[in-house]
Amino acid sequence: MKCFVYRSTQRSDAYVFLRERDAFGLLPAELSARLGALLLVLELDLSAERTLARADPAVVRRNLADQGFHLQLPPADRMPGSTG
C-alpha cells in the first residue's frame, strides 16, 4: 500500500499519513484546522514487512483503508480521538 506522509506546520512532531497524495479532504475539518498546513515529507510503500519508528504499520494500514488517513503524534502530545 502506497502512502504519503505529511508534517504539520503547527504541531511539533505531528504527522499525517494519507492513502492518496494531497487528499486533505479525507481529514476531519477540526483536525485539519488544528494541524495547519501540511508539508509532504515522505512517500512510501507500507508493506507488511515495513517497520515504522513510532507506529504499528498494521494499525497505519488499517486506518488508511478504513478512513483514508492516520494521525501520528508524540506520546506526550495526544489529541483526543487520535490513534497513533
N, C-alpha and C. Protein backbone atom coordinates (compact mmCIF):
# COMPACT_ATOMS: atom_id res chain seq x y z
N MET A 1 0.85 -1.18 0.00
CA MET A 1 0.00 0.00 0.00
C MET A 1 0.89 1.23 0.00
N LYS A 2 0.71 2.08 -0.99
CA LYS A 2 1.45 3.33 -1.06
C LYS A 2 0.78 4.35 -0.14
N CYS A 3 1.60 5.15 0.54
CA CYS A 3 1.04 6.23 1.36
C CYS A 3 1.96 7.43 1.31
N PHE A 4 1.41 8.56 1.74
CA PHE A 4 2.09 9.83 1.69
C PHE A 4 2.08 10.43 3.09
N VAL A 5 3.25 10.84 3.57
CA VAL A 5 3.40 11.33 4.95
C VAL A 5 3.64 12.83 4.92
N TYR A 6 2.87 13.54 5.73
CA TYR A 6 2.93 14.99 5.81
C TYR A 6 3.25 15.42 7.24
N ARG A 7 4.02 16.50 7.37
CA ARG A 7 4.35 17.08 8.67
C ARG A 7 3.48 18.31 8.88
N SER A 8 2.97 18.44 10.10
CA SER A 8 2.18 19.61 10.47
C SER A 8 3.09 20.80 10.68
N THR A 9 2.65 21.97 10.22
CA THR A 9 3.41 23.19 10.46
C THR A 9 3.05 23.84 11.80
N GLN A 10 1.97 23.37 12.45
CA GLN A 10 1.53 23.98 13.71
C GLN A 10 1.79 23.13 14.94
N ARG A 11 1.92 21.81 14.75
CA ARG A 11 2.10 20.92 15.91
C ARG A 11 3.41 20.17 15.75
N SER A 12 4.31 20.41 16.67
CA SER A 12 5.62 19.77 16.62
C SER A 12 5.48 18.25 16.65
N ASP A 13 6.17 17.58 15.76
CA ASP A 13 6.20 16.12 15.68
C ASP A 13 4.85 15.49 15.35
N ALA A 14 3.95 16.21 14.74
CA ALA A 14 2.67 15.65 14.30
C ALA A 14 2.77 15.33 12.82
N TYR A 15 2.40 14.10 12.48
CA TYR A 15 2.47 13.63 11.10
C TYR A 15 1.14 13.01 10.70
N VAL A 16 0.78 13.21 9.44
CA VAL A 16 -0.43 12.62 8.89
C VAL A 16 -0.03 11.74 7.71
N PHE A 17 -0.49 10.50 7.74
CA PHE A 17 -0.31 9.56 6.64
C PHE A 17 -1.61 9.59 5.83
N LEU A 18 -1.51 9.77 4.52
CA LEU A 18 -2.69 9.77 3.66
C LEU A 18 -2.57 8.66 2.62
N ARG A 19 -3.69 8.06 2.25
CA ARG A 19 -3.66 6.99 1.25
C ARG A 19 -3.56 7.54 -0.16
N GLU A 20 -3.83 8.84 -0.33
CA GLU A 20 -3.74 9.49 -1.63
C GLU A 20 -2.96 10.79 -1.46
N ARG A 21 -2.11 11.09 -2.44
CA ARG A 21 -1.31 12.31 -2.36
C ARG A 21 -2.22 13.54 -2.34
N ASP A 22 -1.95 14.42 -1.38
CA ASP A 22 -2.65 15.70 -1.21
C ASP A 22 -4.16 15.55 -1.02
N ALA A 23 -4.62 14.43 -0.50
CA ALA A 23 -6.06 14.19 -0.29
C ALA A 23 -6.47 14.73 1.08
N PHE A 24 -6.28 16.02 1.29
CA PHE A 24 -6.54 16.64 2.59
C PHE A 24 -8.02 16.64 2.94
N GLY A 25 -8.88 16.45 1.98
CA GLY A 25 -10.31 16.36 2.23
C GLY A 25 -10.69 15.12 3.04
N LEU A 26 -9.79 14.15 3.16
CA LEU A 26 -10.05 12.97 3.97
C LEU A 26 -10.00 13.28 5.47
N LEU A 27 -9.36 14.39 5.82
CA LEU A 27 -9.22 14.76 7.24
C LEU A 27 -10.47 15.48 7.74
N PRO A 28 -10.90 15.18 8.96
CA PRO A 28 -12.00 15.96 9.55
C PRO A 28 -11.59 17.43 9.62
N ALA A 29 -12.54 18.33 9.41
CA ALA A 29 -12.26 19.76 9.36
C ALA A 29 -11.57 20.26 10.64
N GLU A 30 -12.03 19.81 11.80
CA GLU A 30 -11.44 20.26 13.06
C GLU A 30 -9.98 19.83 13.17
N LEU A 31 -9.69 18.61 12.79
CA LEU A 31 -8.31 18.12 12.83
C LEU A 31 -7.44 18.91 11.86
N SER A 32 -7.93 19.12 10.66
CA SER A 32 -7.19 19.87 9.66
C SER A 32 -6.86 21.27 10.17
N ALA A 33 -7.81 21.92 10.81
CA ALA A 33 -7.59 23.27 11.35
C ALA A 33 -6.54 23.26 12.45
N ARG A 34 -6.55 22.24 13.29
CA ARG A 34 -5.58 22.16 14.39
C ARG A 34 -4.17 21.86 13.92
N LEU A 35 -4.05 21.16 12.79
CA LEU A 35 -2.73 20.81 12.28
C LEU A 35 -2.12 21.91 11.42
N GLY A 36 -2.94 22.76 10.86
CA GLY A 36 -2.43 23.81 9.97
C GLY A 36 -1.99 23.22 8.64
N ALA A 37 -1.12 23.95 7.96
CA ALA A 37 -0.62 23.49 6.67
C ALA A 37 0.17 22.21 6.86
N LEU A 38 0.06 21.33 5.88
CA LEU A 38 0.78 20.06 5.91
C LEU A 38 1.79 20.03 4.78
N LEU A 39 3.03 19.63 5.11
CA LEU A 39 4.10 19.58 4.13
C LEU A 39 4.48 18.13 3.86
N LEU A 40 4.52 17.76 2.60
CA LEU A 40 4.89 16.40 2.22
C LEU A 40 6.34 16.15 2.60
N VAL A 41 6.58 15.07 3.36
CA VAL A 41 7.94 14.74 3.76
C VAL A 41 8.39 13.38 3.26
N LEU A 42 7.45 12.51 2.90
CA LEU A 42 7.83 11.15 2.53
C LEU A 42 6.72 10.47 1.75
N GLU A 43 7.10 9.71 0.76
CA GLU A 43 6.19 8.83 0.03
C GLU A 43 6.76 7.43 0.20
N LEU A 44 5.93 6.48 0.66
CA LEU A 44 6.47 5.15 0.91
C LEU A 44 5.48 4.05 0.62
N ASP A 45 6.03 2.86 0.43
CA ASP A 45 5.21 1.66 0.26
C ASP A 45 5.09 1.03 1.65
N LEU A 46 3.91 1.00 2.17
CA LEU A 46 3.68 0.50 3.52
C LEU A 46 3.28 -0.98 3.45
N SER A 47 4.25 -1.81 3.14
CA SER A 47 4.03 -3.25 3.03
C SER A 47 4.01 -3.89 4.41
N ALA A 48 3.62 -5.15 4.46
CA ALA A 48 3.57 -5.88 5.73
C ALA A 48 4.95 -6.00 6.36
N GLU A 49 5.99 -5.95 5.55
CA GLU A 49 7.37 -6.09 6.06
C GLU A 49 7.95 -4.78 6.57
N ARG A 50 7.30 -3.67 6.26
CA ARG A 50 7.80 -2.34 6.62
C ARG A 50 7.68 -2.11 8.12
N THR A 51 8.70 -1.53 8.72
CA THR A 51 8.62 -1.12 10.12
C THR A 51 8.61 0.41 10.16
N LEU A 52 8.00 0.94 11.21
CA LEU A 52 7.95 2.38 11.41
C LEU A 52 8.47 2.70 12.80
N ALA A 53 9.08 3.85 12.96
CA ALA A 53 9.70 4.23 14.22
C ALA A 53 8.70 4.42 15.35
N ARG A 54 7.55 5.04 15.07
CA ARG A 54 6.62 5.40 16.15
C ARG A 54 5.23 4.83 16.01
N ALA A 55 5.01 3.99 15.03
CA ALA A 55 3.65 3.48 14.82
C ALA A 55 3.70 2.03 14.38
N ASP A 56 2.64 1.33 14.69
CA ASP A 56 2.48 -0.06 14.25
C ASP A 56 2.00 -0.01 12.80
N PRO A 57 2.78 -0.54 11.86
CA PRO A 57 2.39 -0.45 10.45
C PRO A 57 1.03 -1.09 10.16
N ALA A 58 0.66 -2.13 10.90
CA ALA A 58 -0.65 -2.76 10.68
C ALA A 58 -1.77 -1.80 11.05
N VAL A 59 -1.60 -1.04 12.10
CA VAL A 59 -2.60 -0.04 12.52
C VAL A 59 -2.67 1.08 11.48
N VAL A 60 -1.52 1.52 11.01
CA VAL A 60 -1.49 2.58 9.99
C VAL A 60 -2.21 2.10 8.73
N ARG A 61 -1.91 0.90 8.27
CA ARG A 61 -2.56 0.36 7.07
C ARG A 61 -4.08 0.25 7.27
N ARG A 62 -4.50 -0.21 8.44
CA ARG A 62 -5.93 -0.33 8.74
C ARG A 62 -6.61 1.04 8.73
N ASN A 63 -5.98 2.04 9.35
CA ASN A 63 -6.55 3.39 9.36
C ASN A 63 -6.62 3.97 7.96
N LEU A 64 -5.60 3.73 7.15
CA LEU A 64 -5.61 4.23 5.78
C LEU A 64 -6.74 3.58 4.98
N ALA A 65 -6.94 2.29 5.17
CA ALA A 65 -8.00 1.58 4.44
C ALA A 65 -9.38 2.02 4.93
N ASP A 66 -9.54 2.18 6.24
CA ASP A 66 -10.85 2.50 6.82
C ASP A 66 -11.25 3.96 6.68
N GLN A 67 -10.31 4.87 6.95
CA GLN A 67 -10.68 6.30 6.98
C GLN A 67 -9.85 7.16 6.04
N GLY A 68 -8.84 6.58 5.42
CA GLY A 68 -8.05 7.33 4.45
C GLY A 68 -6.86 8.07 5.02
N PHE A 69 -6.75 8.11 6.35
CA PHE A 69 -5.62 8.80 6.98
C PHE A 69 -5.26 8.13 8.31
N HIS A 70 -4.04 8.44 8.76
CA HIS A 70 -3.58 8.02 10.08
C HIS A 70 -2.85 9.20 10.69
N LEU A 71 -3.16 9.55 11.92
CA LEU A 71 -2.52 10.65 12.62
C LEU A 71 -1.48 10.09 13.58
N GLN A 72 -0.27 10.62 13.50
CA GLN A 72 0.80 10.21 14.41
C GLN A 72 1.24 11.42 15.22
N LEU A 73 1.11 11.30 16.53
CA LEU A 73 1.53 12.36 17.45
C LEU A 73 2.56 11.79 18.42
N PRO A 74 3.41 12.65 18.99
CA PRO A 74 4.33 12.16 20.01
C PRO A 74 3.55 11.66 21.22
N PRO A 75 4.07 10.67 21.95
CA PRO A 75 3.32 10.06 23.06
C PRO A 75 2.77 11.05 24.08
N ALA A 76 3.47 12.11 24.41
CA ALA A 76 3.01 13.05 25.43
C ALA A 76 2.08 14.12 24.86
N ASP A 77 1.74 14.05 23.58
CA ASP A 77 1.00 15.13 22.93
C ASP A 77 -0.20 14.60 22.17
N ARG A 78 -0.92 13.65 22.73
CA ARG A 78 -2.05 13.02 22.03
C ARG A 78 -3.26 13.94 22.02
N MET A 79 -3.88 14.07 20.84
CA MET A 79 -5.15 14.77 20.73
C MET A 79 -6.26 13.78 21.07
N PRO A 80 -7.35 14.23 21.65
CA PRO A 80 -8.47 13.33 21.90
C PRO A 80 -8.90 12.67 20.59
N GLY A 81 -9.06 11.35 20.63
CA GLY A 81 -9.51 10.61 19.45
C GLY A 81 -8.40 10.19 18.51
N SER A 82 -7.14 10.54 18.82
CA SER A 82 -6.05 10.13 17.93
C SER A 82 -5.78 8.64 18.11
N THR A 83 -5.25 8.04 17.06
CA THR A 83 -5.00 6.60 17.10
C THR A 83 -3.52 6.30 16.96
N GLY A 84 -2.71 7.24 16.95
CA GLY A 84 -1.32 6.95 16.70
C GLY A 84 -0.45 7.80 17.46
